[in-house]
mmCIF file of all heavy atoms, coordinates in Angstrom:
data_MODEL
# 
_entry.id   MODEL 
# 
loop_
_atom_site.group_PDB 
_atom_site.id 
_atom_site.type_symbol 
_atom_site.label_atom_id 
_atom_site.label_alt_id 
_atom_site.label_comp_id 
_atom_site.label_asym_id 
_atom_site.label_entity_id 
_atom_site.label_seq_id 
_atom_site.pdbx_PDB_ins_code 
_atom_site.Cartn_x 
_atom_site.Cartn_y 
_atom_site.Cartn_z 
_atom_site.occupancy 
_atom_site.B_iso_or_equiv 
_atom_site.pdbx_formal_charge 
_atom_site.auth_seq_id 
_atom_site.auth_comp_id 
_atom_site.auth_asym_id 
_atom_site.auth_atom_id 
_atom_site.pdbx_PDB_model_num 
ATOM 1   N N   . LEU A 1 1  ? 0.820  -1.204 0.000   1.00 0.00 ? 1  LEU A N   1 
ATOM 2   C CA  . LEU A 1 1  ? 0.000  0.000  0.000   1.00 0.00 ? 1  LEU A CA  1 
ATOM 3   C C   . LEU A 1 1  ? 0.858  1.260  0.000   1.00 0.00 ? 1  LEU A C   1 
ATOM 4   O O   . LEU A 1 1  ? 0.554  2.239  -0.701  1.00 0.00 ? 1  LEU A O   1 
ATOM 5   C CB  . LEU A 1 1  ? -0.938 0.003  1.213   1.00 0.00 ? 1  LEU A CB  1 
ATOM 6   C CG  . LEU A 1 1  ? -1.993 -1.110 1.247   1.00 0.00 ? 1  LEU A CG  1 
ATOM 7   C CD1 . LEU A 1 1  ? -2.801 -1.030 2.542   1.00 0.00 ? 1  LEU A CD1 1 
ATOM 8   C CD2 . LEU A 1 1  ? -2.912 -1.017 0.043   1.00 0.00 ? 1  LEU A CD2 1 
ATOM 9   N N   . VAL A 1 2  ? 1.936  1.249  0.775   1.00 0.00 ? 2  VAL A N   1 
ATOM 10  C CA  . VAL A 1 2  ? 2.844  2.397  0.793   1.00 0.00 ? 2  VAL A CA  1 
ATOM 11  C C   . VAL A 1 2  ? 3.506  2.571  -0.573  1.00 0.00 ? 2  VAL A C   1 
ATOM 12  O O   . VAL A 1 2  ? 3.645  3.697  -1.080  1.00 0.00 ? 2  VAL A O   1 
ATOM 13  C CB  . VAL A 1 2  ? 3.906  2.225  1.892   1.00 0.00 ? 2  VAL A CB  1 
ATOM 14  C CG1 . VAL A 1 2  ? 4.969  3.308  1.774   1.00 0.00 ? 2  VAL A CG1 1 
ATOM 15  C CG2 . VAL A 1 2  ? 3.259  2.277  3.272   1.00 0.00 ? 2  VAL A CG2 1 
ATOM 16  N N   . ALA A 1 3  ? 3.906  1.462  -1.190  1.00 0.00 ? 3  ALA A N   1 
ATOM 17  C CA  . ALA A 1 3  ? 4.543  1.531  -2.505  1.00 0.00 ? 3  ALA A CA  1 
ATOM 18  C C   . ALA A 1 3  ? 3.607  2.138  -3.535  1.00 0.00 ? 3  ALA A C   1 
ATOM 19  O O   . ALA A 1 3  ? 4.013  2.984  -4.344  1.00 0.00 ? 3  ALA A O   1 
ATOM 20  C CB  . ALA A 1 3  ? 4.983  0.134  -2.944  1.00 0.00 ? 3  ALA A CB  1 
ATOM 21  N N   . VAL A 1 4  ? 2.335  1.724  -3.524  1.00 0.00 ? 4  VAL A N   1 
ATOM 22  C CA  . VAL A 1 4  ? 1.356  2.274  -4.471  1.00 0.00 ? 4  VAL A CA  1 
ATOM 23  C C   . VAL A 1 4  ? 1.181  3.772  -4.254  1.00 0.00 ? 4  VAL A C   1 
ATOM 24  O O   . VAL A 1 4  ? 1.139  4.564  -5.203  1.00 0.00 ? 4  VAL A O   1 
ATOM 25  C CB  . VAL A 1 4  ? 0.003  1.540  -4.330  1.00 0.00 ? 4  VAL A CB  1 
ATOM 26  C CG1 . VAL A 1 4  ? -1.095 2.277  -5.091  1.00 0.00 ? 4  VAL A CG1 1 
ATOM 27  C CG2 . VAL A 1 4  ? 0.120  0.110  -4.834  1.00 0.00 ? 4  VAL A CG2 1 
ATOM 28  N N   . SER A 1 5  ? 1.098  4.182  -2.999  1.00 0.00 ? 5  SER A N   1 
ATOM 29  C CA  . SER A 1 5  ? 0.910  5.594  -2.679  1.00 0.00 ? 5  SER A CA  1 
ATOM 30  C C   . SER A 1 5  ? 2.086  6.434  -3.146  1.00 0.00 ? 5  SER A C   1 
ATOM 31  O O   . SER A 1 5  ? 1.913  7.481  -3.787  1.00 0.00 ? 5  SER A O   1 
ATOM 32  C CB  . SER A 1 5  ? 0.709  5.757  -1.173  1.00 0.00 ? 5  SER A CB  1 
ATOM 33  O OG  . SER A 1 5  ? 0.640  7.121  -0.813  1.00 0.00 ? 5  SER A OG  1 
ATOM 34  N N   . TYR A 1 6  ? 3.296  5.987  -2.846  1.00 0.00 ? 6  TYR A N   1 
ATOM 35  C CA  . TYR A 1 6  ? 4.485  6.760  -3.187  1.00 0.00 ? 6  TYR A CA  1 
ATOM 36  C C   . TYR A 1 6  ? 4.734  6.788  -4.690  1.00 0.00 ? 6  TYR A C   1 
ATOM 37  O O   . TYR A 1 6  ? 5.073  7.834  -5.261  1.00 0.00 ? 6  TYR A O   1 
ATOM 38  C CB  . TYR A 1 6  ? 5.705  6.189  -2.466  1.00 0.00 ? 6  TYR A CB  1 
ATOM 39  C CG  . TYR A 1 6  ? 5.821  6.600  -1.012  1.00 0.00 ? 6  TYR A CG  1 
ATOM 40  C CD1 . TYR A 1 6  ? 4.709  7.056  -0.308  1.00 0.00 ? 6  TYR A CD1 1 
ATOM 41  C CD2 . TYR A 1 6  ? 7.021  6.515  -0.331  1.00 0.00 ? 6  TYR A CD2 1 
ATOM 42  C CE1 . TYR A 1 6  ? 4.800  7.427  1.023   1.00 0.00 ? 6  TYR A CE1 1 
ATOM 43  C CE2 . TYR A 1 6  ? 7.132  6.886  1.007   1.00 0.00 ? 6  TYR A CE2 1 
ATOM 44  C CZ  . TYR A 1 6  ? 6.013  7.336  1.676   1.00 0.00 ? 6  TYR A CZ  1 
ATOM 45  O OH  . TYR A 1 6  ? 6.108  7.710  2.991   1.00 0.00 ? 6  TYR A OH  1 
ATOM 46  N N   . LEU A 1 7  ? 4.582  5.636  -5.333  1.00 0.00 ? 7  LEU A N   1 
ATOM 47  C CA  . LEU A 1 7  ? 4.868  5.581  -6.767  1.00 0.00 ? 7  LEU A CA  1 
ATOM 48  C C   . LEU A 1 7  ? 3.856  6.385  -7.571  1.00 0.00 ? 7  LEU A C   1 
ATOM 49  O O   . LEU A 1 7  ? 4.224  7.033  -8.558  1.00 0.00 ? 7  LEU A O   1 
ATOM 50  C CB  . LEU A 1 7  ? 4.881  4.129  -7.241  1.00 0.00 ? 7  LEU A CB  1 
ATOM 51  C CG  . LEU A 1 7  ? 6.112  3.312  -6.875  1.00 0.00 ? 7  LEU A CG  1 
ATOM 52  C CD1 . LEU A 1 7  ? 5.997  1.908  -7.432  1.00 0.00 ? 7  LEU A CD1 1 
ATOM 53  C CD2 . LEU A 1 7  ? 7.382  3.967  -7.390  1.00 0.00 ? 7  LEU A CD2 1 
ATOM 54  N N   . SER A 1 8  ? 2.611  6.350  -7.189  1.00 0.00 ? 8  SER A N   1 
ATOM 55  C CA  . SER A 1 8  ? 1.602  7.091  -7.937  1.00 0.00 ? 8  SER A CA  1 
ATOM 56  C C   . SER A 1 8  ? 1.845  8.595  -7.870  1.00 0.00 ? 8  SER A C   1 
ATOM 57  O O   . SER A 1 8  ? 1.692  9.303  -8.874  1.00 0.00 ? 8  SER A O   1 
ATOM 58  C CB  . SER A 1 8  ? 0.193  6.757  -7.427  1.00 0.00 ? 8  SER A CB  1 
ATOM 59  O OG  . SER A 1 8  ? 0.062  7.063  -6.055  1.00 0.00 ? 8  SER A OG  1 
ATOM 60  N N   . VAL A 1 9  ? 2.250  9.097  -6.712  1.00 0.00 ? 9  VAL A N   1 
ATOM 61  C CA  . VAL A 1 9  ? 2.456  10.539 -6.592  1.00 0.00 ? 9  VAL A CA  1 
ATOM 62  C C   . VAL A 1 9  ? 3.712  10.985 -7.332  1.00 0.00 ? 9  VAL A C   1 
ATOM 63  O O   . VAL A 1 9  ? 3.836  12.161 -7.721  1.00 0.00 ? 9  VAL A O   1 
ATOM 64  C CB  . VAL A 1 9  ? 2.526  10.955 -5.103  1.00 0.00 ? 9  VAL A CB  1 
ATOM 65  C CG1 . VAL A 1 9  ? 3.886  10.606 -4.490  1.00 0.00 ? 9  VAL A CG1 1 
ATOM 66  C CG2 . VAL A 1 9  ? 2.236  12.439 -4.952  1.00 0.00 ? 9  VAL A CG2 1 
ATOM 67  N N   . ILE A 1 10 ? 4.645  10.078 -7.561  1.00 0.00 ? 10 ILE A N   1 
ATOM 68  C CA  . ILE A 1 10 ? 5.846  10.411 -8.331  1.00 0.00 ? 10 ILE A CA  1 
ATOM 69  C C   . ILE A 1 10 ? 5.615  10.204 -9.825  1.00 0.00 ? 10 ILE A C   1 
ATOM 70  O O   . ILE A 1 10 ? 5.979  11.044 -10.652 1.00 0.00 ? 10 ILE A O   1 
ATOM 71  C CB  . ILE A 1 10 ? 7.035  9.551  -7.866  1.00 0.00 ? 10 ILE A CB  1 
ATOM 72  C CG1 . ILE A 1 10 ? 7.390  9.870  -6.410  1.00 0.00 ? 10 ILE A CG1 1 
ATOM 73  C CG2 . ILE A 1 10 ? 8.257  9.790  -8.740  1.00 0.00 ? 10 ILE A CG2 1 
ATOM 74  C CD1 . ILE A 1 10 ? 8.438  8.939  -5.825  1.00 0.00 ? 10 ILE A CD1 1 
ATOM 75  N N   . ALA A 1 11 ? 4.990  9.090  -10.175 1.00 0.00 ? 11 ALA A N   1 
ATOM 76  C CA  . ALA A 1 11 ? 4.871  8.717  -11.590 1.00 0.00 ? 11 ALA A CA  1 
ATOM 77  C C   . ALA A 1 11 ? 3.818  9.522  -12.326 1.00 0.00 ? 11 ALA A C   1 
ATOM 78  O O   . ALA A 1 11 ? 4.052  9.972  -13.453 1.00 0.00 ? 11 ALA A O   1 
ATOM 79  C CB  . ALA A 1 11 ? 4.554  7.222  -11.695 1.00 0.00 ? 11 ALA A CB  1 
ATOM 80  N N   . TRP A 1 12 ? 2.657  9.708  -11.748 1.00 0.00 ? 12 TRP A N   1 
ATOM 81  C CA  . TRP A 1 12 ? 1.552  10.319 -12.490 1.00 0.00 ? 12 TRP A CA  1 
ATOM 82  C C   . TRP A 1 12 ? 1.854  11.718 -13.012 1.00 0.00 ? 12 TRP A C   1 
ATOM 83  O O   . TRP A 1 12 ? 1.557  12.014 -14.177 1.00 0.00 ? 12 TRP A O   1 
ATOM 84  C CB  . TRP A 1 12 ? 0.298  10.320 -11.620 1.00 0.00 ? 12 TRP A CB  1 
ATOM 85  C CG  . TRP A 1 12 ? -0.331 8.965  -11.510 1.00 0.00 ? 12 TRP A CG  1 
ATOM 86  C CD1 . TRP A 1 12 ? 0.052  7.833  -12.172 1.00 0.00 ? 12 TRP A CD1 1 
ATOM 87  C CD2 . TRP A 1 12 ? -1.452 8.604  -10.706 1.00 0.00 ? 12 TRP A CD2 1 
ATOM 88  N NE1 . TRP A 1 12 ? -0.757 6.774  -11.814 1.00 0.00 ? 12 TRP A NE1 1 
ATOM 89  C CE2 . TRP A 1 12 ? -1.695 7.216  -10.919 1.00 0.00 ? 12 TRP A CE2 1 
ATOM 90  C CE3 . TRP A 1 12 ? -2.277 9.290  -9.823  1.00 0.00 ? 12 TRP A CE3 1 
ATOM 91  C CZ2 . TRP A 1 12 ? -2.716 6.530  -10.278 1.00 0.00 ? 12 TRP A CZ2 1 
ATOM 92  C CZ3 . TRP A 1 12 ? -3.303 8.612  -9.181  1.00 0.00 ? 12 TRP A CZ3 1 
ATOM 93  C CH2 . TRP A 1 12 ? -3.528 7.248  -9.411  1.00 0.00 ? 12 TRP A CH2 1 
ATOM 94  N N   . PRO A 1 13 ? 2.437  12.622 -12.214 1.00 0.00 ? 13 PRO A N   1 
ATOM 95  C CA  . PRO A 1 13 ? 2.733  13.947 -12.781 1.00 0.00 ? 13 PRO A CA  1 
ATOM 96  C C   . PRO A 1 13 ? 3.710  13.885 -13.960 1.00 0.00 ? 13 PRO A C   1 
ATOM 97  O O   . PRO A 1 13 ? 3.571  14.650 -14.921 1.00 0.00 ? 13 PRO A O   1 
ATOM 98  C CB  . PRO A 1 13 ? 3.352  14.697 -11.596 1.00 0.00 ? 13 PRO A CB  1 
ATOM 99  C CG  . PRO A 1 13 ? 2.813  14.016 -10.389 1.00 0.00 ? 13 PRO A CG  1 
ATOM 100 C CD  . PRO A 1 13 ? 2.722  12.575 -10.768 1.00 0.00 ? 13 PRO A CD  1 
ATOM 101 N N   . CYS A 1 14 ? 4.674  12.959 -13.901 1.00 0.00 ? 14 CYS A N   1 
ATOM 102 C CA  . CYS A 1 14 ? 5.646  12.855 -14.987 1.00 0.00 ? 14 CYS A CA  1 
ATOM 103 C C   . CYS A 1 14 ? 5.002  12.321 -16.261 1.00 0.00 ? 14 CYS A C   1 
ATOM 104 O O   . CYS A 1 14 ? 5.242  12.839 -17.367 1.00 0.00 ? 14 CYS A O   1 
ATOM 105 C CB  . CYS A 1 14 ? 6.806  11.945 -14.564 1.00 0.00 ? 14 CYS A CB  1 
ATOM 106 S SG  . CYS A 1 14 ? 7.783  12.609 -13.204 1.00 0.00 ? 14 CYS A SG  1 
ATOM 107 N N   . TYR A 1 15 ? 4.171  11.293 -16.123 1.00 0.00 ? 15 TYR A N   1 
ATOM 108 C CA  . TYR A 1 15 ? 3.487  10.770 -17.298 1.00 0.00 ? 15 TYR A CA  1 
ATOM 109 C C   . TYR A 1 15 ? 2.508  11.802 -17.863 1.00 0.00 ? 15 TYR A C   1 
ATOM 110 O O   . TYR A 1 15 ? 2.349  11.926 -19.082 1.00 0.00 ? 15 TYR A O   1 
ATOM 111 C CB  . TYR A 1 15 ? 2.745  9.479  -16.937 1.00 0.00 ? 15 TYR A CB  1 
ATOM 112 C CG  . TYR A 1 15 ? 3.642  8.270  -16.847 1.00 0.00 ? 15 TYR A CG  1 
ATOM 113 C CD1 . TYR A 1 15 ? 3.914  7.673  -15.620 1.00 0.00 ? 15 TYR A CD1 1 
ATOM 114 C CD2 . TYR A 1 15 ? 4.223  7.729  -17.986 1.00 0.00 ? 15 TYR A CD2 1 
ATOM 115 C CE1 . TYR A 1 15 ? 4.744  6.563  -15.531 1.00 0.00 ? 15 TYR A CE1 1 
ATOM 116 C CE2 . TYR A 1 15 ? 5.047  6.615  -17.902 1.00 0.00 ? 15 TYR A CE2 1 
ATOM 117 C CZ  . TYR A 1 15 ? 5.312  6.043  -16.672 1.00 0.00 ? 15 TYR A CZ  1 
ATOM 118 O OH  . TYR A 1 15 ? 6.141  4.945  -16.598 1.00 0.00 ? 15 TYR A OH  1 
ATOM 119 N N   . ALA A 1 16 ? 1.830  12.544 -16.999 1.00 0.00 ? 16 ALA A N   1 
ATOM 120 C CA  . ALA A 1 16 ? 0.913  13.580 -17.469 1.00 0.00 ? 16 ALA A CA  1 
ATOM 121 C C   . ALA A 1 16 ? 1.673  14.669 -18.218 1.00 0.00 ? 16 ALA A C   1 
ATOM 122 O O   . ALA A 1 16 ? 1.201  15.183 -19.247 1.00 0.00 ? 16 ALA A O   1 
ATOM 123 C CB  . ALA A 1 16 ? 0.159  14.183 -16.280 1.00 0.00 ? 16 ALA A CB  1 
ATOM 124 N N   . PHE A 1 17 ? 2.854  15.023 -17.730 1.00 0.00 ? 17 PHE A N   1 
ATOM 125 C CA  . PHE A 1 17 ? 3.671  16.035 -18.401 1.00 0.00 ? 17 PHE A CA  1 
ATOM 126 C C   . PHE A 1 17 ? 4.049  15.591 -19.808 1.00 0.00 ? 17 PHE A C   1 
ATOM 127 O O   . PHE A 1 17 ? 3.970  16.365 -20.768 1.00 0.00 ? 17 PHE A O   1 
ATOM 128 C CB  . PHE A 1 17 ? 4.929  16.295 -17.569 1.00 0.00 ? 17 PHE A CB  1 
ATOM 129 C CG  . PHE A 1 17 ? 5.904  17.235 -18.221 1.00 0.00 ? 17 PHE A CG  1 
ATOM 130 C CD1 . PHE A 1 17 ? 5.715  18.603 -18.149 1.00 0.00 ? 17 PHE A CD1 1 
ATOM 131 C CD2 . PHE A 1 17 ? 7.002  16.751 -18.918 1.00 0.00 ? 17 PHE A CD2 1 
ATOM 132 C CE1 . PHE A 1 17 ? 6.614  19.470 -18.750 1.00 0.00 ? 17 PHE A CE1 1 
ATOM 133 C CE2 . PHE A 1 17 ? 7.897  17.602 -19.519 1.00 0.00 ? 17 PHE A CE2 1 
ATOM 134 C CZ  . PHE A 1 17 ? 7.706  18.977 -19.440 1.00 0.00 ? 17 PHE A CZ  1 
ATOM 135 N N   . VAL A 1 18 ? 4.451  14.338 -19.947 1.00 0.00 ? 18 VAL A N   1 
ATOM 136 C CA  . VAL A 1 18 ? 4.813  13.813 -21.264 1.00 0.00 ? 18 VAL A CA  1 
ATOM 137 C C   . VAL A 1 18 ? 3.594  13.752 -22.179 1.00 0.00 ? 18 VAL A C   1 
ATOM 138 O O   . VAL A 1 18 ? 3.681  14.062 -23.379 1.00 0.00 ? 18 VAL A O   1 
ATOM 139 C CB  . VAL A 1 18 ? 5.463  12.421 -21.138 1.00 0.00 ? 18 VAL A CB  1 
ATOM 140 C CG1 . VAL A 1 18 ? 5.684  11.789 -22.512 1.00 0.00 ? 18 VAL A CG1 1 
ATOM 141 C CG2 . VAL A 1 18 ? 6.790  12.532 -20.400 1.00 0.00 ? 18 VAL A CG2 1 
ATOM 142 N N   . LEU A 1 19 ? 2.457  13.359 -21.643 1.00 0.00 ? 19 LEU A N   1 
ATOM 143 C CA  . LEU A 1 19 ? 1.236  13.290 -22.448 1.00 0.00 ? 19 LEU A CA  1 
ATOM 144 C C   . LEU A 1 19 ? 0.883  14.664 -23.003 1.00 0.00 ? 19 LEU A C   1 
ATOM 145 O O   . LEU A 1 19 ? 0.501  14.792 -24.175 1.00 0.00 ? 19 LEU A O   1 
ATOM 146 C CB  . LEU A 1 19 ? 0.085  12.754 -21.588 1.00 0.00 ? 19 LEU A CB  1 
ATOM 147 C CG  . LEU A 1 19 ? -1.289 12.665 -22.256 1.00 0.00 ? 19 LEU A CG  1 
ATOM 148 C CD1 . LEU A 1 19 ? -1.248 11.702 -23.436 1.00 0.00 ? 19 LEU A CD1 1 
ATOM 149 C CD2 . LEU A 1 19 ? -2.343 12.238 -21.248 1.00 0.00 ? 19 LEU A CD2 1 
ATOM 150 N N   . ILE A 1 20 ? 1.020  15.690 -22.200 1.00 0.00 ? 20 ILE A N   1 
ATOM 151 C CA  . ILE A 1 20 ? 0.667  17.044 -22.620 1.00 0.00 ? 20 ILE A CA  1 
ATOM 152 C C   . ILE A 1 20 ? 1.647  17.589 -23.651 1.00 0.00 ? 20 ILE A C   1 
ATOM 153 O O   . ILE A 1 20 ? 1.260  18.302 -24.582 1.00 0.00 ? 20 ILE A O   1 
ATOM 154 C CB  . ILE A 1 20 ? 0.605  17.976 -21.391 1.00 0.00 ? 20 ILE A CB  1 
ATOM 155 C CG1 . ILE A 1 20 ? -0.527 17.550 -20.459 1.00 0.00 ? 20 ILE A CG1 1 
ATOM 156 C CG2 . ILE A 1 20 ? 0.419  19.429 -21.808 1.00 0.00 ? 20 ILE A CG2 1 
ATOM 157 C CD1 . ILE A 1 20 ? -0.501 18.245 -19.117 1.00 0.00 ? 20 ILE A CD1 1 
ATOM 158 N N   . ASN A 1 21 ? 2.916  17.232 -23.516 1.00 0.00 ? 21 ASN A N   1 
ATOM 159 C CA  . ASN A 1 21 ? 3.971  17.854 -24.327 1.00 0.00 ? 21 ASN A CA  1 
ATOM 160 C C   . ASN A 1 21 ? 4.671  16.880 -25.262 1.00 0.00 ? 21 ASN A C   1 
ATOM 161 O O   . ASN A 1 21 ? 5.823  17.117 -25.647 1.00 0.00 ? 21 ASN A O   1 
ATOM 162 C CB  . ASN A 1 21 ? 5.017  18.496 -23.401 1.00 0.00 ? 21 ASN A CB  1 
ATOM 163 C CG  . ASN A 1 21 ? 4.445  19.586 -22.525 1.00 0.00 ? 21 ASN A CG  1 
ATOM 164 O OD1 . ASN A 1 21 ? 4.202  20.698 -22.967 1.00 0.00 ? 21 ASN A OD1 1 
ATOM 165 N ND2 . ASN A 1 21 ? 4.218  19.259 -21.261 1.00 0.00 ? 21 ASN A ND2 1 
ATOM 166 N N   . ALA A 1 22 ? 4.018  15.787 -25.643 1.00 0.00 ? 22 ALA A N   1 
ATOM 167 C CA  . ALA A 1 22 ? 4.693  14.734 -26.410 1.00 0.00 ? 22 ALA A CA  1 
ATOM 168 C C   . ALA A 1 22 ? 5.327  15.250 -27.695 1.00 0.00 ? 22 ALA A C   1 
ATOM 169 O O   . ALA A 1 22 ? 6.492  14.954 -27.996 1.00 0.00 ? 22 ALA A O   1 
ATOM 170 C CB  . ALA A 1 22 ? 3.703  13.612 -26.721 1.00 0.00 ? 22 ALA A CB  1 
ATOM 171 N N   . ALA A 1 23 ? 4.586  15.993 -28.490 1.00 0.00 ? 23 ALA A N   1 
ATOM 172 C CA  . ALA A 1 23 ? 5.098  16.455 -29.786 1.00 0.00 ? 23 ALA A CA  1 
ATOM 173 C C   . ALA A 1 23 ? 6.319  17.352 -29.605 1.00 0.00 ? 23 ALA A C   1 
ATOM 174 O O   . ALA A 1 23 ? 7.324  17.207 -30.323 1.00 0.00 ? 23 ALA A O   1 
ATOM 175 C CB  . ALA A 1 23 ? 4.001  17.185 -30.553 1.00 0.00 ? 23 ALA A CB  1 
ATOM 176 N N   . GLN A 1 24 ? 6.238  18.295 -28.656 1.00 0.00 ? 24 GLN A N   1 
ATOM 177 C CA  . GLN A 1 24 ? 7.370  19.204 -28.444 1.00 0.00 ? 24 GLN A CA  1 
ATOM 178 C C   . GLN A 1 24 ? 8.592  18.474 -27.918 1.00 0.00 ? 24 GLN A C   1 
ATOM 179 O O   . GLN A 1 24 ? 9.725  18.790 -28.276 1.00 0.00 ? 24 GLN A O   1 
ATOM 180 C CB  . GLN A 1 24 ? 6.975  20.322 -27.469 1.00 0.00 ? 24 GLN A CB  1 
ATOM 181 C CG  . GLN A 1 24 ? 5.892  21.244 -28.003 1.00 0.00 ? 24 GLN A CG  1 
ATOM 182 C CD  . GLN A 1 24 ? 4.521  20.824 -27.545 1.00 0.00 ? 24 GLN A CD  1 
ATOM 183 O OE1 . GLN A 1 24 ? 4.190  19.628 -27.527 1.00 0.00 ? 24 GLN A OE1 1 
ATOM 184 N NE2 . GLN A 1 24 ? 3.697  21.785 -27.142 1.00 0.00 ? 24 GLN A NE2 1 
# 
């Protein structure tokens, strides 16, 4: 449960950033 909590808060913003700016 701790691993899921920590990884999601680190991973999701980074993946969202790439999704928004993929072409650039």
